[in-house]
């Protein structure tokens, strides 16, 4: 562990409900999703708004213009607080947390707000400019040069299923597990303490709207292949797009103690790796192996695991490669049930891990956040729950 003035620790984490695109949060733009989360984090820790060194926010499909700065001012932080927006596509939210932790480790006892946000409902339409000056709209950005192959996400998920032998039956069973766990957690109020309700103008959004109560194995078996003829990846074992924001307070262990924080997640290590873009879904496994190896820890020694379930195929393939039993991951369900809010999803993983660690209450328990990104990349962070 680093000295107390350089050891990064996450002392608070919050998120909005994760809601389907064009659902309950459709009227809120990205900064309007994030600002209430930032306000709640400051209230939860008692940190003075002007003491924030920077606000580091991940975002993947927004309109640009530095949503971090826009949101922090919307939240009422003083103009003296800067903001920076980072983009590593799906990994953006976790990368924002990793970036902030790296700066804390450099020293100086700073305090950061870090996380991610995505409003897929209000994301701008994108277009290239034709020779005549007119727009040519496109659905997504190019992630790698054409010579590397640039598969759509669903096609890449099929590539992973085939390459690593992840069967349709196993994918469907994992998807059903995710929905059932998320429903049980929501019904039991497990998410309540981490959620920031949002005023949408038409009411209050205070719960995730994705988990499907009527889903069962027979229903999942009827879904056709969604991306490749004769394939195994379906709408049932894939995530859906969502709107959400999530962020954390990260500072040095010394400053956390000065703030009176009683516990938190120490950041023991983090890293990002690249893989074949045709198998982009396994980027998280490469990053996690590197991080665990550097810490001298095996997958089996990790107590809590949160992996972004963009597709069941990639989730299972990554967990297999890292040596983590799938039944030990995402104990309250994951993105297959809750939805994938791109730039926010990596921060949601950390928020979930802090909540789970506090619920378990076991000091020195290890936690691992993992997420794969478009273009063939992955980010992972190894954390440790401790009383401070």
Foldseek 3Di string as FASTA:
>chain_A
DAPLQQWKWFQAKAKAAWEFAVPPQLQDDFLQQALLRVLVQCVVLVDDLAQAQEEEEEEEQADDPQSQLVNSVVNPRDPVYYYGYDYQWLCQFQVFVVVVSVVSNVGDFGKYKGGYWFNPSPRDWDFDQDPVRDTDTDDDDQQDDPVLPADDPLQLLLVLCVVQVPALLNLLVLLVVQLVLQVVCVVVVLNQVRHDWHDNVVGIRTHQDFRDPPDDSVVSVPFARDPDHPTRFGLLQAFGETGMAMITMMTGSVVSVVSVRFKTKTFPWKDKDFDRLSNQLQQQLVRVVVGCVVVVHAQVQAQEEEEARRGSSSVVSSCVSRVHDSCRYPSRHHRSRRNRRTRRRQNVRRNVVGSVCVVVVDFQHKYKYKYTGRSGMIMMIIITMHTD
